[in-house]
N, C-alpha and C. Protein backbone atom coordinates (compact mmCIF):
# COMPACT_ATOMS: atom_id res chain seq x y z
N MET A 1 109.56 107.06 94.76
CA MET A 1 108.62 107.22 95.54
C MET A 1 107.99 106.20 96.14
N ASP A 2 108.02 106.11 97.43
CA ASP A 2 107.40 105.07 98.31
C ASP A 2 105.73 105.24 98.57
N ARG A 3 105.23 104.28 99.01
CA ARG A 3 103.88 104.38 98.96
C ARG A 3 103.30 105.30 100.07
N ILE A 4 103.85 105.69 101.16
CA ILE A 4 103.68 106.73 101.95
C ILE A 4 103.74 107.86 101.32
N SER A 5 104.58 108.17 100.43
CA SER A 5 104.90 109.47 100.02
C SER A 5 103.59 109.85 98.69
N ALA A 6 103.50 108.64 98.23
CA ALA A 6 102.42 108.60 97.04
C ALA A 6 101.06 109.23 97.84
N LEU A 7 100.75 108.60 98.85
CA LEU A 7 99.47 108.62 99.72
C LEU A 7 99.51 110.08 100.05
N ARG A 8 100.51 110.61 100.53
CA ARG A 8 100.57 111.86 101.00
C ARG A 8 100.47 113.02 100.09
N ASN A 9 101.02 112.59 98.95
CA ASN A 9 100.72 113.61 97.56
C ASN A 9 99.50 113.60 97.18
N ILE A 10 98.67 112.23 97.29
CA ILE A 10 97.53 112.28 96.86
C ILE A 10 96.48 112.92 97.74
N GLU A 11 96.96 112.92 99.07
CA GLU A 11 96.06 113.65 100.21
C GLU A 11 96.22 115.15 99.82
N ASP A 12 97.32 115.72 99.65
CA ASP A 12 97.53 117.07 99.12
C ASP A 12 96.73 117.66 98.03
N VAL A 13 96.25 116.55 97.01
CA VAL A 13 95.87 117.13 95.98
C VAL A 13 94.13 117.01 96.33
N LEU A 14 93.90 116.04 97.21
CA LEU A 14 92.53 116.21 97.75
C LEU A 14 92.27 117.44 98.49
N SER A 15 93.22 117.71 99.25
CA SER A 15 92.88 118.85 100.08
C SER A 15 92.79 120.18 99.36
N ASP A 16 93.61 120.25 98.12
CA ASP A 16 93.60 121.32 97.47
C ASP A 16 92.27 121.28 96.50
N PHE A 17 91.65 120.28 96.25
CA PHE A 17 90.42 120.15 95.50
C PHE A 17 89.38 120.68 96.53
N GLU A 18 89.27 120.03 97.72
CA GLU A 18 88.28 120.35 98.61
C GLU A 18 88.36 121.86 98.83
N ALA A 19 89.54 122.43 99.21
CA ALA A 19 89.78 123.97 99.37
C ALA A 19 89.26 125.00 98.30
N GLY A 20 89.15 124.35 97.02
CA GLY A 20 88.82 124.76 95.70
C GLY A 20 89.95 125.49 94.99
N GLU A 21 91.16 125.12 95.75
CA GLU A 21 92.45 125.57 94.89
C GLU A 21 92.71 124.92 93.48
N CYS A 22 92.05 123.81 93.32
CA CYS A 22 92.17 123.16 91.68
C CYS A 22 90.88 122.73 91.57
N ASP A 23 90.58 122.42 89.98
CA ASP A 23 89.51 122.02 89.62
C ASP A 23 89.50 120.49 89.53
N LEU A 24 88.42 119.77 89.11
CA LEU A 24 88.57 118.13 88.92
C LEU A 24 89.60 117.72 88.06
N ALA A 25 89.58 118.38 86.90
CA ALA A 25 90.51 117.94 85.88
C ALA A 25 92.14 118.30 86.36
N ALA A 26 92.22 119.02 86.89
CA ALA A 26 93.83 119.55 87.45
C ALA A 26 94.17 118.42 88.68
N ALA A 27 93.02 118.05 89.39
CA ALA A 27 93.05 117.05 90.40
C ALA A 27 93.29 115.67 89.93
N GLU A 28 92.52 115.43 88.85
CA GLU A 28 92.87 113.95 87.98
C GLU A 28 94.41 114.00 87.56
N ARG A 29 94.66 115.11 87.18
CA ARG A 29 96.13 115.14 86.26
C ARG A 29 97.07 115.03 87.25
N ARG A 30 97.21 115.53 88.58
CA ARG A 30 97.98 115.44 89.62
C ARG A 30 97.88 113.94 90.19
N VAL A 31 96.58 113.44 90.46
CA VAL A 31 96.85 112.08 90.99
C VAL A 31 97.22 111.13 90.04
N ARG A 32 97.21 111.26 88.68
CA ARG A 32 97.44 110.66 87.53
C ARG A 32 99.22 110.71 87.62
N GLY A 33 99.54 111.78 87.77
CA GLY A 33 101.27 111.99 87.77
C GLY A 33 101.67 111.06 89.10
N VAL A 34 101.13 111.46 90.12
CA VAL A 34 101.59 110.62 91.47
C VAL A 34 101.41 108.99 91.13
N LEU A 35 100.41 108.66 90.65
CA LEU A 35 100.15 107.12 90.36
C LEU A 35 101.36 106.79 89.36
N ARG A 36 101.56 107.52 88.29
CA ARG A 36 102.50 107.02 87.28
C ARG A 36 103.99 107.06 87.99
N THR A 37 104.30 108.10 88.77
CA THR A 37 105.60 108.16 89.36
C THR A 37 105.94 106.95 90.44
N TYR A 38 104.67 106.70 91.09
CA TYR A 38 105.08 105.61 92.22
C TYR A 38 105.08 104.48 91.43
N ALA A 39 104.27 103.98 90.33
CA ALA A 39 104.24 102.94 89.73
C ALA A 39 105.49 102.68 88.70
N THR A 40 106.31 103.54 88.29
CA THR A 40 107.28 103.71 87.31
C THR A 40 108.76 103.67 88.30
N SER A 41 108.72 103.87 89.64
CA SER A 41 109.65 104.15 90.51
C SER A 41 110.27 102.81 91.27
N PHE A 42 109.74 101.88 90.81
CA PHE A 42 110.45 100.67 91.13
C PHE A 42 110.59 99.49 90.03
N ALA A 43 111.64 98.74 90.13
CA ALA A 43 111.74 97.68 89.03
C ALA A 43 112.01 98.31 87.77
N GLU A 44 112.52 99.47 87.55
CA GLU A 44 112.81 100.01 86.47
C GLU A 44 111.82 99.66 85.33
N ARG A 45 110.48 100.11 85.70
CA ARG A 45 109.35 99.95 84.72
C ARG A 45 109.20 101.41 84.09
N ASP A 46 108.27 101.19 83.09
CA ASP A 46 108.02 102.53 82.42
C ASP A 46 106.35 102.31 82.11
N ALA A 47 105.78 103.50 81.97
CA ALA A 47 104.29 103.40 81.43
C ALA A 47 104.18 103.51 79.93
N TYR A 48 103.33 102.76 79.52
CA TYR A 48 103.29 102.39 77.80
C TYR A 48 101.70 102.65 77.66
N ARG A 49 101.50 103.55 76.55
CA ARG A 49 100.06 103.60 76.29
C ARG A 49 99.72 103.00 75.12
N ALA A 50 98.58 102.39 74.95
CA ALA A 50 98.04 101.59 73.70
C ALA A 50 97.27 102.54 72.78
N SER A 51 97.74 102.14 71.38
CA SER A 51 96.68 102.88 70.47
C SER A 51 96.28 101.88 69.57
N GLY A 52 95.05 102.24 69.14
CA GLY A 52 94.66 100.96 68.16
C GLY A 52 93.17 100.98 68.26
N ASP A 53 92.70 99.64 68.24
CA ASP A 53 91.33 99.43 68.25
C ASP A 53 90.77 99.45 69.79
N PRO A 54 89.57 99.75 69.60
CA PRO A 54 88.97 99.58 71.13
C PRO A 54 88.84 98.16 71.31
N PRO A 55 88.96 97.58 72.39
CA PRO A 55 88.94 98.53 73.80
C PRO A 55 90.32 98.87 74.54
N VAL A 56 91.28 98.39 73.55
CA VAL A 56 92.69 98.87 74.41
C VAL A 56 93.05 100.47 74.16
N ASP A 57 92.61 101.02 72.99
CA ASP A 57 93.12 102.51 72.79
C ASP A 57 93.01 103.31 73.91
N GLY A 58 93.99 103.85 74.27
CA GLY A 58 94.22 104.73 75.32
C GLY A 58 94.44 104.07 76.72
N LEU A 59 94.50 102.89 76.71
CA LEU A 59 94.90 102.12 78.11
C LEU A 59 96.30 102.20 78.40
N VAL A 60 96.85 102.40 79.60
CA VAL A 60 97.89 102.69 80.17
C VAL A 60 98.56 101.47 80.97
N VAL A 61 99.53 100.92 80.76
CA VAL A 61 99.99 99.71 81.50
C VAL A 61 101.49 100.11 81.82
N VAL A 62 101.86 99.58 82.94
CA VAL A 62 103.48 99.56 83.40
C VAL A 62 104.01 98.56 83.16
N ALA A 63 105.12 98.41 82.31
CA ALA A 63 105.99 97.12 82.10
C ALA A 63 107.36 97.66 82.02
N THR A 64 108.14 96.36 81.78
CA THR A 64 109.66 96.58 81.79
C THR A 64 110.23 96.85 80.06
N SER A 65 108.99 96.55 79.29
CA SER A 65 109.54 96.72 77.72
C SER A 65 108.01 96.44 77.12
N PRO A 66 108.11 96.97 75.79
CA PRO A 66 107.04 97.02 74.88
C PRO A 66 106.47 95.81 74.78
N LYS A 67 107.30 94.73 74.66
CA LYS A 67 106.97 93.23 74.57
C LYS A 67 105.93 93.19 75.83
N GLU A 68 106.45 93.47 77.00
CA GLU A 68 105.71 93.04 78.32
C GLU A 68 104.29 93.70 78.27
N ALA A 69 104.51 95.07 77.81
CA ALA A 69 103.39 95.95 77.74
C ALA A 69 102.17 95.48 77.00
N ARG A 70 102.47 94.86 75.78
CA ARG A 70 101.45 94.07 74.86
C ARG A 70 100.77 93.11 75.50
N GLU A 71 101.81 92.13 76.36
CA GLU A 71 101.29 91.11 76.93
C GLU A 71 100.30 91.42 77.99
N ARG A 72 100.60 92.52 78.76
CA ARG A 72 99.72 93.00 79.85
C ARG A 72 98.51 93.46 79.11
N LEU A 73 98.25 94.16 78.36
CA LEU A 73 97.06 94.42 77.61
C LEU A 73 96.31 93.50 77.02
N ARG A 74 97.01 92.52 76.56
CA ARG A 74 96.25 91.33 76.22
C ARG A 74 95.77 90.68 77.19
N ALA A 75 96.30 90.48 78.53
CA ALA A 75 95.73 90.06 79.63
C ALA A 75 94.61 90.64 80.27
N LEU A 76 94.86 91.85 80.12
CA LEU A 76 93.57 92.76 80.47
C LEU A 76 92.14 92.81 79.88
N VAL A 77 92.40 92.58 78.57
CA VAL A 77 91.13 93.06 77.73
C VAL A 77 90.92 91.46 76.90
N ASP A 78 89.74 91.01 76.85
CA ASP A 78 89.29 89.76 76.15
C ASP A 78 89.75 89.50 74.76
N ASP A 79 89.24 90.82 73.92
CA ASP A 79 89.45 90.84 72.54
C ASP A 79 90.32 92.32 72.15
N PRO A 80 91.45 92.17 72.22
CA PRO A 80 92.22 93.75 72.56
C PRO A 80 92.32 94.02 70.95
N GLY A 81 92.10 93.30 69.71
CA GLY A 81 91.99 93.76 68.36
C GLY A 81 93.66 94.31 67.90
N SER A 82 93.80 94.90 66.89
CA SER A 82 94.98 95.48 66.78
C SER A 82 95.26 96.58 67.26
N PHE A 83 96.68 96.75 67.76
CA PHE A 83 97.31 97.83 68.94
C PHE A 83 98.81 97.85 68.59
N GLU A 84 99.25 99.10 68.94
CA GLU A 84 100.53 99.36 69.39
C GLU A 84 100.75 99.96 70.60
N VAL A 85 102.05 99.93 71.17
CA VAL A 85 102.27 100.45 72.18
C VAL A 85 103.24 101.68 72.23
N GLU A 86 103.27 102.50 72.96
CA GLU A 86 104.51 103.60 72.91
C GLU A 86 104.73 103.88 74.51
N ARG A 87 105.81 104.27 74.71
CA ARG A 87 106.32 104.57 75.83
C ARG A 87 105.65 106.13 76.44
N VAL A 88 105.31 105.95 77.69
CA VAL A 88 104.69 107.35 78.18
C VAL A 88 105.72 108.12 78.90
N GLU A 89 105.99 109.48 78.44
CA GLU A 89 106.79 110.32 79.06
C GLU A 89 106.47 110.94 80.49
């Protein structure tokens, strides 16, 4: 998915939300899906979710491997504590 397609898809979500055709939770899920598809469609990257100590618990990063995902999470958070990463489908 290219940037223009992603933006059009997000615009569709916003239009549906404004028209009352979906609620906020559904709109958030749809936008998250568009963003994840866009972010993982180039450079053979996958989304990885952290589980463990706050503040990294639940964060999702895009990386080429679990090792890179852990490095990205450590770079995002000052004191990540103990955590694991798993690929998000």
